[in-house]
Amino acid sequence: MTISIILSIILLGAAFVLFFYTADKYTASLIKTTALVIYGVVAIGALVNIIVQALSF
């Protein structure tokens, strides 16, 4: 495993934790929607990075 994959896994986990924390804590608002979109994009980016790096081995 390279450092990039390890960091992507950590980032993916943090994005999931923050996603569900934000979804549970805040009521429906623009801030909640924006935060959920950002966490979702970060999680998807980290997952794509993991897959691309795994396929390159």
PDB file of N, CA and C in Angstrom:
ATOM      1  N   MET A   1       0.828  -1.177   0.000  1.00  0.00           N
ATOM      2  CA  MET A   1       0.000   0.000   0.000  1.00  0.00           C
ATOM      3  C   MET A   1       0.879   1.248   0.000  1.00  0.00           C
ATOM      4  N   THR A   2       0.526   2.152  -0.822  1.00  0.00           N
ATOM      5  CA  THR A   2       1.277   3.401  -0.837  1.00  0.00           C
ATOM      6  C   THR A   2       0.649   4.392   0.138  1.00  0.00           C
ATOM      7  N   ILE A   3       1.379   5.431   0.398  1.00  0.00           N
ATOM      8  CA  ILE A   3       0.884   6.473   1.308  1.00  0.00           C
ATOM      9  C   ILE A   3      -0.383   7.116   0.754  1.00  0.00           C
ATOM     10  N   SER A   4      -0.459   7.266  -0.556  1.00  0.00           N
ATOM     11  CA  SER A   4      -1.628   7.901  -1.169  1.00  0.00           C
ATOM     12  C   SER A   4      -2.897   7.089  -0.909  1.00  0.00           C
ATOM     13  N   ILE A   5      -2.814   5.788  -0.996  1.00  0.00           N
ATOM     14  CA  ILE A   5      -3.992   4.951  -0.739  1.00  0.00           C
ATOM     15  C   ILE A   5      -4.390   5.033   0.729  1.00  0.00           C
ATOM     16  N   ILE A   6      -3.414   5.007   1.620  1.00  0.00           N
ATOM     17  CA  ILE A   6      -3.711   5.092   3.050  1.00  0.00           C
ATOM     18  C   ILE A   6      -4.379   6.429   3.376  1.00  0.00           C
ATOM     19  N   LEU A   7      -3.846   7.514   2.829  1.00  0.00           N
ATOM     20  CA  LEU A   7      -4.442   8.825   3.077  1.00  0.00           C
ATOM     21  C   LEU A   7      -5.840   8.935   2.462  1.00  0.00           C
ATOM     22  N   SER A   8      -6.045   8.316   1.316  1.00  0.00           N
ATOM     23  CA  SER A   8      -7.374   8.334   0.696  1.00  0.00           C
ATOM     24  C   SER A   8      -8.381   7.555   1.535  1.00  0.00           C
ATOM     25  N   ILE A   9      -7.954   6.461   2.131  1.00  0.00           N
ATOM     26  CA  ILE A   9      -8.844   5.689   2.997  1.00  0.00           C
ATOM     27  C   ILE A   9      -9.214   6.499   4.235  1.00  0.00           C
ATOM     28  N   ILE A  10      -8.241   7.194   4.808  1.00  0.00           N
ATOM     29  CA  ILE A  10      -8.518   8.045   5.967  1.00  0.00           C
ATOM     30  C   ILE A  10      -9.481   9.177   5.589  1.00  0.00           C
ATOM     31  N   LEU A  11      -9.246   9.798   4.433  1.00  0.00           N
ATOM     32  CA  LEU A  11     -10.115  10.869   3.960  1.00  0.00           C
ATOM     33  C   LEU A  11     -11.528  10.360   3.691  1.00  0.00           C
ATOM     34  N   LEU A  12     -11.642   9.173   3.125  1.00  0.00           N
ATOM     35  CA  LEU A  12     -12.955   8.584   2.867  1.00  0.00           C
ATOM     36  C   LEU A  12     -13.701   8.338   4.173  1.00  0.00           C
ATOM     37  N   GLY A  13     -13.013   7.801   5.161  1.00  0.00           N
ATOM     38  CA  GLY A  13     -13.639   7.573   6.463  1.00  0.00           C
ATOM     39  C   GLY A  13     -14.074   8.865   7.127  1.00  0.00           C
ATOM     40  N   ALA A  14     -13.227   9.884   7.067  1.00  0.00           N
ATOM     41  CA  ALA A  14     -13.571  11.170   7.671  1.00  0.00           C
ATOM     42  C   ALA A  14     -14.774  11.793   6.968  1.00  0.00           C
ATOM     43  N   ALA A  15     -14.833  11.667   5.647  1.00  0.00           N
ATOM     44  CA  ALA A  15     -15.963  12.229   4.903  1.00  0.00           C
ATOM     45  C   ALA A  15     -17.267  11.537   5.289  1.00  0.00           C
ATOM     46  N   PHE A  16     -17.226  10.205   5.456  1.00  0.00           N
ATOM     47  CA  PHE A  16     -18.436   9.485   5.871  1.00  0.00           C
ATOM     48  C   PHE A  16     -18.874   9.888   7.274  1.00  0.00           C
ATOM     49  N   VAL A  17     -17.920   9.990   8.199  1.00  0.00           N
ATOM     50  CA  VAL A  17     -18.261  10.377   9.569  1.00  0.00           C
ATOM     51  C   VAL A  17     -18.863  11.776   9.590  1.00  0.00           C
ATOM     52  N   LEU A  18     -18.224  12.721   8.914  1.00  0.00           N
ATOM     53  CA  LEU A  18     -18.746  14.083   8.883  1.00  0.00           C
ATOM     54  C   LEU A  18     -20.089  14.163   8.167  1.00  0.00           C
ATOM     55  N   PHE A  19     -20.268  13.347   7.114  1.00  0.00           N
ATOM     56  CA  PHE A  19     -21.530  13.337   6.382  1.00  0.00           C
ATOM     57  C   PHE A  19     -22.680  12.949   7.307  1.00  0.00           C
ATOM     58  N   PHE A  20     -22.527  11.839   8.017  1.00  0.00           N
ATOM     59  CA  PHE A  20     -23.616  11.374   8.870  1.00  0.00           C
ATOM     60  C   PHE A  20     -23.776  12.231  10.120  1.00  0.00           C
ATOM     61  N   TYR A  21     -22.680  12.807  10.622  1.00  0.00           N
ATOM     62  CA  TYR A  21     -22.777  13.730  11.754  1.00  0.00           C
ATOM     63  C   TYR A  21     -23.566  14.978  11.355  1.00  0.00           C
ATOM     64  N   THR A  22     -23.256  15.527  10.198  1.00  0.00           N
ATOM     65  CA  THR A  22     -23.956  16.717   9.719  1.00  0.00           C
ATOM     66  C   THR A  22     -25.418  16.414   9.429  1.00  0.00           C
ATOM     67  N   ALA A  23     -25.681  15.260   8.824  1.00  0.00           N
ATOM     68  CA  ALA A  23     -27.061  14.894   8.507  1.00  0.00           C
ATOM     69  C   ALA A  23     -27.896  14.728   9.772  1.00  0.00           C
ATOM     70  N   ASP A  24     -27.278  14.266  10.848  1.00  0.00           N
ATOM     71  CA  ASP A  24     -28.008  14.044  12.089  1.00  0.00           C
ATOM     72  C   ASP A  24     -28.152  15.322  12.915  1.00  0.00           C
ATOM     73  N   LYS A  25     -27.139  16.158  12.934  1.00  0.00           N
ATOM     74  CA  LYS A  25     -27.109  17.298  13.850  1.00  0.00           C
ATOM     75  C   LYS A  25     -27.922  18.499  13.363  1.00  0.00           C
ATOM     76  N   TYR A  26     -27.843  18.814  12.092  1.00  0.00           N
ATOM     77  CA  TYR A  26     -28.459  20.051  11.597  1.00  0.00           C
ATOM     78  C   TYR A  26     -29.804  19.786  10.948  1.00  0.00           C
ATOM     79  N   THR A  27     -30.669  20.776  11.039  1.00  0.00           N
ATOM     80  CA  THR A  27     -31.952  20.697  10.349  1.00  0.00           C
ATOM     81  C   THR A  27     -31.743  21.099   8.889  1.00  0.00           C
ATOM     82  N   ALA A  28     -32.755  20.948   8.103  1.00  0.00           N
ATOM     83  CA  ALA A  28     -32.651  21.263   6.679  1.00  0.00           C
ATOM     84  C   ALA A  28     -32.372  22.750   6.489  1.00  0.00           C
ATOM     85  N   SER A  29     -31.245  23.032   5.877  1.00  0.00           N
ATOM     86  CA  SER A  29     -30.879  24.419   5.590  1.00  0.00           C
ATOM     87  C   SER A  29     -29.872  24.411   4.452  1.00  0.00           C
ATOM     88  N   LEU A  30     -29.521  25.592   4.012  1.00  0.00           N
ATOM     89  CA  LEU A  30     -28.553  25.715   2.929  1.00  0.00           C
ATOM     90  C   LEU A  30     -27.175  25.226   3.374  1.00  0.00           C
ATOM     91  N   ILE A  31     -26.826  25.491   4.630  1.00  0.00           N
ATOM     92  CA  ILE A  31     -25.520  25.071   5.142  1.00  0.00           C
ATOM     93  C   ILE A  31     -25.434  23.550   5.181  1.00  0.00           C
ATOM     94  N   LYS A  32     -26.500  22.905   5.641  1.00  0.00           N
ATOM     95  CA  LYS A  32     -26.507  21.439   5.694  1.00  0.00           C
ATOM     96  C   LYS A  32     -26.403  20.850   4.299  1.00  0.00           C
ATOM     97  N   THR A  33     -27.172  21.367   3.370  1.00  0.00           N
ATOM     98  CA  THR A  33     -27.144  20.853   2.001  1.00  0.00           C
ATOM     99  C   THR A  33     -25.770  21.035   1.378  1.00  0.00           C
ATOM    100  N   THR A  34     -25.188  22.203   1.555  1.00  0.00           N
ATOM    101  CA  THR A  34     -23.855  22.470   1.001  1.00  0.00           C
ATOM    102  C   THR A  34     -22.808  21.558   1.616  1.00  0.00           C
ATOM    103  N   ALA A  35     -22.859  21.387   2.935  1.00  0.00           N
ATOM    104  CA  ALA A  35     -21.896  20.523   3.608  1.00  0.00           C
ATOM    105  C   ALA A  35     -22.028  19.081   3.138  1.00  0.00           C
ATOM    106  N   LEU A  36     -23.251  18.593   2.988  1.00  0.00           N
ATOM    107  CA  LEU A  36     -23.457  17.212   2.541  1.00  0.00           C
ATOM    108  C   LEU A  36     -22.952  17.009   1.118  1.00  0.00           C
ATOM    109  N   VAL A  37     -23.159  17.998   0.264  1.00  0.00           N
ATOM    110  CA  VAL A  37     -22.657  17.896  -1.111  1.00  0.00           C
ATOM    111  C   VAL A  37     -21.129  17.869  -1.125  1.00  0.00           C
ATOM    112  N   ILE A  38     -20.514  18.732  -0.334  1.00  0.00           N
ATOM    113  CA  ILE A  38     -19.044  18.774  -0.293  1.00  0.00           C
ATOM    114  C   ILE A  38     -18.489  17.464   0.241  1.00  0.00           C
ATOM    115  N   TYR A  39     -19.066  16.945   1.335  1.00  0.00           N
ATOM    116  CA  TYR A  39     -18.590  15.670   1.886  1.00  0.00           C
ATOM    117  C   TYR A  39     -18.797  14.530   0.892  1.00  0.00           C
ATOM    118  N   GLY A  40     -19.904  14.557   0.170  1.00  0.00           N
ATOM    119  CA  GLY A  40     -20.153  13.527  -0.840  1.00  0.00           C
ATOM    120  C   GLY A  40     -19.140  13.566  -1.972  1.00  0.00           C
ATOM    121  N   VAL A  41     -18.822  14.768  -2.434  1.00  0.00           N
ATOM    122  CA  VAL A  41     -17.835  14.921  -3.511  1.00  0.00           C
ATOM    123  C   VAL A  41     -16.449  14.480  -3.044  1.00  0.00           C
ATOM    124  N   VAL A  42     -16.089  14.829  -1.819  1.00  0.00           N
ATOM    125  CA  VAL A  42     -14.794  14.410  -1.276  1.00  0.00           C
ATOM    126  C   VAL A  42     -14.734  12.892  -1.156  1.00  0.00           C
ATOM    127  N   ALA A  43     -15.815  12.271  -0.684  1.00  0.00           N
ATOM    128  CA  ALA A  43     -15.847  10.815  -0.545  1.00  0.00           C
ATOM    129  C   ALA A  43     -15.751  10.128  -1.901  1.00  0.00           C
ATOM    130  N   ILE A  44     -16.458  10.636  -2.891  1.00  0.00           N
ATOM    131  CA  ILE A  44     -16.404  10.046  -4.227  1.00  0.00           C
ATOM    132  C   ILE A  44     -15.003  10.202  -4.815  1.00  0.00           C
ATOM    133  N   GLY A  45     -14.401  11.369  -4.632  1.00  0.00           N
ATOM    134  CA  GLY A  45     -13.037  11.589  -5.124  1.00  0.00           C
ATOM    135  C   GLY A  45     -12.031  10.656  -4.472  1.00  0.00           C
ATOM    136  N   ALA A  46     -12.156  10.469  -3.166  1.00  0.00           N
ATOM    137  CA  ALA A  46     -11.245   9.559  -2.463  1.00  0.00           C
ATOM    138  C   ALA A  46     -11.450   8.124  -2.938  1.00  0.00           C
ATOM    139  N   LEU A  47     -12.697   7.732  -3.136  1.00  0.00           N
ATOM    140  CA  LEU A  47     -12.980   6.373  -3.605  1.00  0.00           C
ATOM    141  C   LEU A  47     -12.448   6.146  -5.010  1.00  0.00           C
ATOM    142  N   VAL A  48     -12.603   7.113  -5.875  1.00  0.00           N
ATOM    143  CA  VAL A  48     -12.062   7.003  -7.237  1.00  0.00           C
ATOM    144  C   VAL A  48     -10.549   6.904  -7.197  1.00  0.00           C
ATOM    145  N   ASN A  49      -9.910   7.694  -6.332  1.00  0.00           N
ATOM    146  CA  ASN A  49      -8.455   7.646  -6.202  1.00  0.00           C
ATOM    147  C   ASN A  49      -8.000   6.272  -5.728  1.00  0.00           C
ATOM    148  N   ILE A  50      -8.708   5.685  -4.775  1.00  0.00           N
ATOM    149  CA  ILE A  50      -8.361   4.349  -4.288  1.00  0.00           C
ATOM    150  C   ILE A  50      -8.486   3.324  -5.398  1.00  0.00           C
ATOM    151  N   ILE A  51      -9.565   3.387  -6.159  1.00  0.00           N
ATOM    152  CA  ILE A  51      -9.787   2.411  -7.234  1.00  0.00           C
ATOM    153  C   ILE A  51      -8.731   2.547  -8.321  1.00  0.00           C
ATOM    154  N   VAL A  52      -8.434   3.769  -8.731  1.00  0.00           N
ATOM    155  CA  VAL A  52      -7.430   3.984  -9.782  1.00  0.00           C
ATOM    156  C   VAL A  52      -6.064   3.491  -9.323  1.00  0.00           C
ATOM    157  N   GLN A  53      -5.700   3.791  -8.089  1.00  0.00           N
ATOM    158  CA  GLN A  53      -4.404   3.356  -7.592  1.00  0.00           C
ATOM    159  C   GLN A  53      -4.354   1.831  -7.431  1.00  0.00           C
ATOM    160  N   ALA A  54      -5.463   1.216  -7.025  1.00  0.00           N
ATOM    161  CA  ALA A  54      -5.502  -0.237  -6.871  1.00  0.00           C
ATOM    162  C   ALA A  54      -5.374  -0.931  -8.219  1.00  0.00           C
ATOM    163  N   LEU A  55      -5.986  -0.356  -9.256  1.00  0.00           N
ATOM    164  CA  LEU A  55      -5.905  -0.949 -10.585  1.00  0.00           C
ATOM    165  C   LEU A  55      -4.539  -0.755 -11.238  1.00  0.00           C
ATOM    166  N   SER A  56      -3.776   0.208 -10.777  1.00  0.00           N
ATOM    167  CA  SER A  56      -2.472   0.467 -11.388  1.00  0.00           C
ATOM    168  C   SER A  56      -1.387  -0.457 -10.864  1.00  0.00           C
ATOM    169  N   PHE A  57      -1.679  -1.244  -9.823  1.00  0.00           N
ATOM    170  CA  PHE A  57      -0.668  -2.173  -9.304  1.00  0.00           C
ATOM    171  C   PHE A  57      -0.490  -3.353 -10.205  1.00  0.00           C
TER     172      PHE A  57
END
